[in-house]
Amino acid sequence: MKLNPVFLVHHSGNETVIVPTDSAVFSGIIRGNKTLGEIADLLQTDRTKSEIVETLLSRYDAPRETIEKDVDNIVEQLRSVGAIL
């Protein structure tokens, strides 16, 4: 999976904002925390869920189940607005 290139990612402190360009069907704004930003950054290139989870596990001291749940929730949100190819 990969972030749809018609969505732009912006980081400001601990907040991440993902906005669609004119060619996107979705016309809202997605706001989230640093975790959303990290996952969105990883999705700039084609990645599997497993690759994303493993990368986040190497960066954070958090249980695998927590990271997997966060990845699932964020991917589902992004997928629901067409932000993931």
N, C-alpha and C. Protein backbone atom coordinates (compact mmCIF):
# COMPACT_ATOMS: atom_id res chain seq x y z
N MET A 1 0.85 -1.18 0.00
CA MET A 1 0.00 0.00 0.00
C MET A 1 0.88 1.23 0.00
N LYS A 2 0.30 2.30 -0.52
CA LYS A 2 1.07 3.54 -0.68
C LYS A 2 0.12 4.73 -0.57
N LEU A 3 0.62 5.84 -0.06
CA LEU A 3 -0.18 7.05 0.03
C LEU A 3 -0.48 7.57 -1.37
N ASN A 4 -1.73 7.88 -1.61
CA ASN A 4 -2.15 8.43 -2.89
C ASN A 4 -1.45 9.78 -3.08
N PRO A 5 -0.77 9.99 -4.20
CA PRO A 5 -0.01 11.22 -4.39
C PRO A 5 -0.87 12.49 -4.48
N VAL A 6 -2.18 12.37 -4.56
CA VAL A 6 -3.03 13.56 -4.58
C VAL A 6 -3.29 14.08 -3.16
N PHE A 7 -2.69 13.43 -2.15
CA PHE A 7 -2.77 13.88 -0.76
C PHE A 7 -1.41 14.37 -0.31
N LEU A 8 -1.39 15.52 0.32
CA LEU A 8 -0.15 16.11 0.81
C LEU A 8 -0.10 16.02 2.32
N VAL A 9 1.09 15.74 2.85
CA VAL A 9 1.30 15.59 4.29
C VAL A 9 2.08 16.79 4.79
N HIS A 10 1.59 17.39 5.88
CA HIS A 10 2.27 18.53 6.51
C HIS A 10 2.43 18.24 8.00
N HIS A 11 3.64 18.47 8.50
CA HIS A 11 3.93 18.28 9.92
C HIS A 11 4.13 19.64 10.58
N SER A 12 3.54 19.80 11.75
CA SER A 12 3.73 21.02 12.52
C SER A 12 3.80 20.63 13.99
N GLY A 13 5.02 20.59 14.52
CA GLY A 13 5.19 20.12 15.90
C GLY A 13 4.79 18.66 16.01
N ASN A 14 3.89 18.37 16.93
CA ASN A 14 3.42 16.99 17.12
C ASN A 14 2.15 16.70 16.34
N GLU A 15 1.70 17.65 15.50
CA GLU A 15 0.48 17.46 14.74
C GLU A 15 0.81 17.21 13.27
N THR A 16 0.01 16.35 12.65
CA THR A 16 0.14 16.07 11.23
C THR A 16 -1.20 16.40 10.57
N VAL A 17 -1.11 17.02 9.41
CA VAL A 17 -2.30 17.33 8.64
C VAL A 17 -2.11 16.74 7.25
N ILE A 18 -3.12 16.02 6.78
CA ILE A 18 -3.10 15.46 5.43
C ILE A 18 -4.24 16.13 4.67
N VAL A 19 -3.89 16.75 3.55
CA VAL A 19 -4.89 17.48 2.77
C VAL A 19 -4.89 16.98 1.33
N PRO A 20 -6.07 16.94 0.74
CA PRO A 20 -6.16 16.52 -0.66
C PRO A 20 -5.89 17.69 -1.60
N THR A 21 -5.42 17.38 -2.78
CA THR A 21 -5.29 18.40 -3.82
C THR A 21 -6.61 18.44 -4.59
N ASP A 22 -6.68 19.29 -5.58
CA ASP A 22 -7.92 19.45 -6.36
C ASP A 22 -8.37 18.17 -7.03
N SER A 23 -7.46 17.29 -7.37
CA SER A 23 -7.83 16.09 -8.10
C SER A 23 -8.34 14.96 -7.21
N ALA A 24 -8.34 15.13 -5.91
CA ALA A 24 -8.85 14.10 -4.99
C ALA A 24 -10.37 14.18 -4.90
N VAL A 25 -10.99 13.05 -4.66
CA VAL A 25 -12.44 13.00 -4.47
C VAL A 25 -12.80 13.54 -3.09
N PHE A 26 -12.00 13.22 -2.09
CA PHE A 26 -12.22 13.66 -0.72
C PHE A 26 -11.89 15.15 -0.62
N SER A 27 -12.72 15.91 0.12
CA SER A 27 -12.48 17.35 0.19
C SER A 27 -12.29 17.86 1.62
N GLY A 28 -11.98 16.97 2.55
CA GLY A 28 -11.77 17.39 3.94
C GLY A 28 -10.30 17.45 4.30
N ILE A 29 -10.06 17.55 5.59
CA ILE A 29 -8.71 17.57 6.13
C ILE A 29 -8.60 16.46 7.16
N ILE A 30 -7.49 15.75 7.14
CA ILE A 30 -7.24 14.71 8.14
C ILE A 30 -6.19 15.26 9.10
N ARG A 31 -6.55 15.31 10.38
CA ARG A 31 -5.61 15.79 11.40
C ARG A 31 -5.30 14.66 12.35
N GLY A 32 -4.06 14.61 12.77
CA GLY A 32 -3.67 13.58 13.70
C GLY A 32 -2.36 13.91 14.40
N ASN A 33 -1.91 12.94 15.15
CA ASN A 33 -0.71 13.12 15.95
C ASN A 33 0.54 12.68 15.19
N LYS A 34 1.62 12.59 15.91
CA LYS A 34 2.91 12.19 15.34
C LYS A 34 2.85 10.79 14.73
N THR A 35 2.05 9.90 15.32
CA THR A 35 1.93 8.54 14.78
C THR A 35 1.35 8.57 13.37
N LEU A 36 0.31 9.37 13.17
CA LEU A 36 -0.25 9.52 11.82
C LEU A 36 0.84 10.01 10.87
N GLY A 37 1.62 10.98 11.32
CA GLY A 37 2.69 11.52 10.49
C GLY A 37 3.74 10.49 10.12
N GLU A 38 4.13 9.69 11.09
CA GLU A 38 5.14 8.66 10.82
C GLU A 38 4.62 7.64 9.81
N ILE A 39 3.38 7.22 10.01
CA ILE A 39 2.80 6.23 9.09
C ILE A 39 2.64 6.84 7.70
N ALA A 40 2.16 8.08 7.63
CA ALA A 40 2.01 8.74 6.33
C ALA A 40 3.37 8.88 5.63
N ASP A 41 4.40 9.20 6.39
CA ASP A 41 5.74 9.30 5.80
C ASP A 41 6.21 7.94 5.27
N LEU A 42 5.97 6.90 6.02
CA LEU A 42 6.36 5.56 5.58
C LEU A 42 5.60 5.16 4.32
N LEU A 43 4.37 5.64 4.19
CA LEU A 43 3.54 5.30 3.03
C LEU A 43 3.88 6.11 1.78
N GLN A 44 4.90 6.95 1.86
CA GLN A 44 5.34 7.66 0.66
C GLN A 44 5.92 6.68 -0.36
N THR A 45 6.39 5.53 0.15
CA THR A 45 6.82 4.45 -0.73
C THR A 45 5.96 3.23 -0.40
N ASP A 46 5.85 2.34 -1.34
CA ASP A 46 5.00 1.16 -1.18
C ASP A 46 5.48 0.30 0.00
N ARG A 47 4.61 0.08 0.97
CA ARG A 47 4.94 -0.70 2.17
C ARG A 47 3.80 -1.63 2.53
N THR A 48 4.16 -2.72 3.20
CA THR A 48 3.14 -3.60 3.76
C THR A 48 2.86 -3.16 5.19
N LYS A 49 1.75 -3.63 5.73
CA LYS A 49 1.43 -3.35 7.13
C LYS A 49 2.56 -3.86 8.02
N SER A 50 3.05 -5.04 7.72
CA SER A 50 4.11 -5.65 8.51
C SER A 50 5.38 -4.78 8.52
N GLU A 51 5.73 -4.22 7.37
CA GLU A 51 6.91 -3.35 7.30
C GLU A 51 6.73 -2.10 8.14
N ILE A 52 5.53 -1.53 8.10
CA ILE A 52 5.24 -0.34 8.90
C ILE A 52 5.33 -0.67 10.38
N VAL A 53 4.72 -1.76 10.79
CA VAL A 53 4.74 -2.17 12.20
C VAL A 53 6.17 -2.40 12.66
N GLU A 54 6.96 -3.12 11.88
CA GLU A 54 8.34 -3.40 12.27
C GLU A 54 9.17 -2.12 12.39
N THR A 55 8.96 -1.18 11.48
CA THR A 55 9.68 0.09 11.56
C THR A 55 9.31 0.84 12.83
N LEU A 56 8.02 0.92 13.14
CA LEU A 56 7.58 1.62 14.35
C LEU A 56 8.05 0.91 15.61
N LEU A 57 8.09 -0.42 15.59
CA LEU A 57 8.60 -1.17 16.75
C LEU A 57 10.07 -0.84 17.00
N SER A 58 10.82 -0.60 15.94
CA SER A 58 12.24 -0.28 16.11
C SER A 58 12.45 1.14 16.64
N ARG A 59 11.44 1.99 16.49
CA ARG A 59 11.55 3.39 16.92
C ARG A 59 10.96 3.66 18.30
N TYR A 60 9.99 2.85 18.69
CA TYR A 60 9.26 3.13 19.93
C TYR A 60 9.24 1.94 20.86
N ASP A 61 9.21 2.23 22.14
CA ASP A 61 9.09 1.20 23.16
C ASP A 61 7.61 1.04 23.49
N ALA A 62 6.92 0.34 22.62
CA ALA A 62 5.48 0.11 22.79
C ALA A 62 5.19 -1.34 22.42
N PRO A 63 4.15 -1.91 23.01
CA PRO A 63 3.80 -3.29 22.68
C PRO A 63 3.37 -3.43 21.21
N ARG A 64 3.72 -4.55 20.61
CA ARG A 64 3.36 -4.83 19.22
C ARG A 64 1.85 -4.66 19.00
N GLU A 65 1.05 -5.13 19.91
CA GLU A 65 -0.41 -5.06 19.76
C GLU A 65 -0.87 -3.61 19.66
N THR A 66 -0.27 -2.73 20.44
CA THR A 66 -0.64 -1.32 20.41
C THR A 66 -0.28 -0.70 19.07
N ILE A 67 0.91 -0.98 18.60
CA ILE A 67 1.36 -0.44 17.32
C ILE A 67 0.50 -1.00 16.18
N GLU A 68 0.22 -2.29 16.20
CA GLU A 68 -0.62 -2.88 15.15
C GLU A 68 -2.00 -2.25 15.14
N LYS A 69 -2.56 -2.01 16.31
CA LYS A 69 -3.88 -1.38 16.40
C LYS A 69 -3.84 0.04 15.84
N ASP A 70 -2.80 0.80 16.19
CA ASP A 70 -2.66 2.16 15.67
C ASP A 70 -2.52 2.16 14.15
N VAL A 71 -1.70 1.27 13.63
CA VAL A 71 -1.51 1.17 12.18
C VAL A 71 -2.84 0.81 11.51
N ASP A 72 -3.54 -0.18 12.05
CA ASP A 72 -4.83 -0.58 11.48
C ASP A 72 -5.81 0.59 11.45
N ASN A 73 -5.90 1.32 12.56
CA ASN A 73 -6.85 2.44 12.64
C ASN A 73 -6.50 3.54 11.64
N ILE A 74 -5.24 3.88 11.56
CA ILE A 74 -4.82 4.96 10.66
C ILE A 74 -4.98 4.54 9.20
N VAL A 75 -4.58 3.33 8.88
CA VAL A 75 -4.72 2.85 7.50
C VAL A 75 -6.20 2.81 7.11
N GLU A 76 -7.05 2.35 7.99
CA GLU A 76 -8.50 2.32 7.71
C GLU A 76 -9.04 3.72 7.46
N GLN A 77 -8.62 4.68 8.28
CA GLN A 77 -9.07 6.06 8.10
C GLN A 77 -8.60 6.60 6.76
N LEU A 78 -7.33 6.39 6.44
CA LEU A 78 -6.79 6.87 5.17
C LEU A 78 -7.44 6.18 3.98
N ARG A 79 -7.66 4.89 4.10
CA ARG A 79 -8.29 4.13 3.03
C ARG A 79 -9.73 4.60 2.78
N SER A 80 -10.44 4.95 3.85
CA SER A 80 -11.85 5.35 3.73
C SER A 80 -12.03 6.65 2.95
N VAL A 81 -10.99 7.47 2.87
CA VAL A 81 -11.09 8.73 2.11
C VAL A 81 -10.32 8.67 0.79
N GLY A 82 -9.82 7.50 0.45
CA GLY A 82 -9.10 7.36 -0.81
C GLY A 82 -7.65 7.80 -0.77
N ALA A 83 -7.09 7.90 0.43
CA ALA A 83 -5.71 8.37 0.55
C ALA A 83 -4.68 7.26 0.41
N ILE A 84 -5.14 6.02 0.29
CA ILE A 84 -4.21 4.89 0.11
C ILE A 84 -4.54 4.18 -1.20
N LEU A 85 -3.48 3.91 -1.94
CA LEU A 85 -3.63 3.16 -3.21
C LEU A 85 -3.46 1.69 -2.95
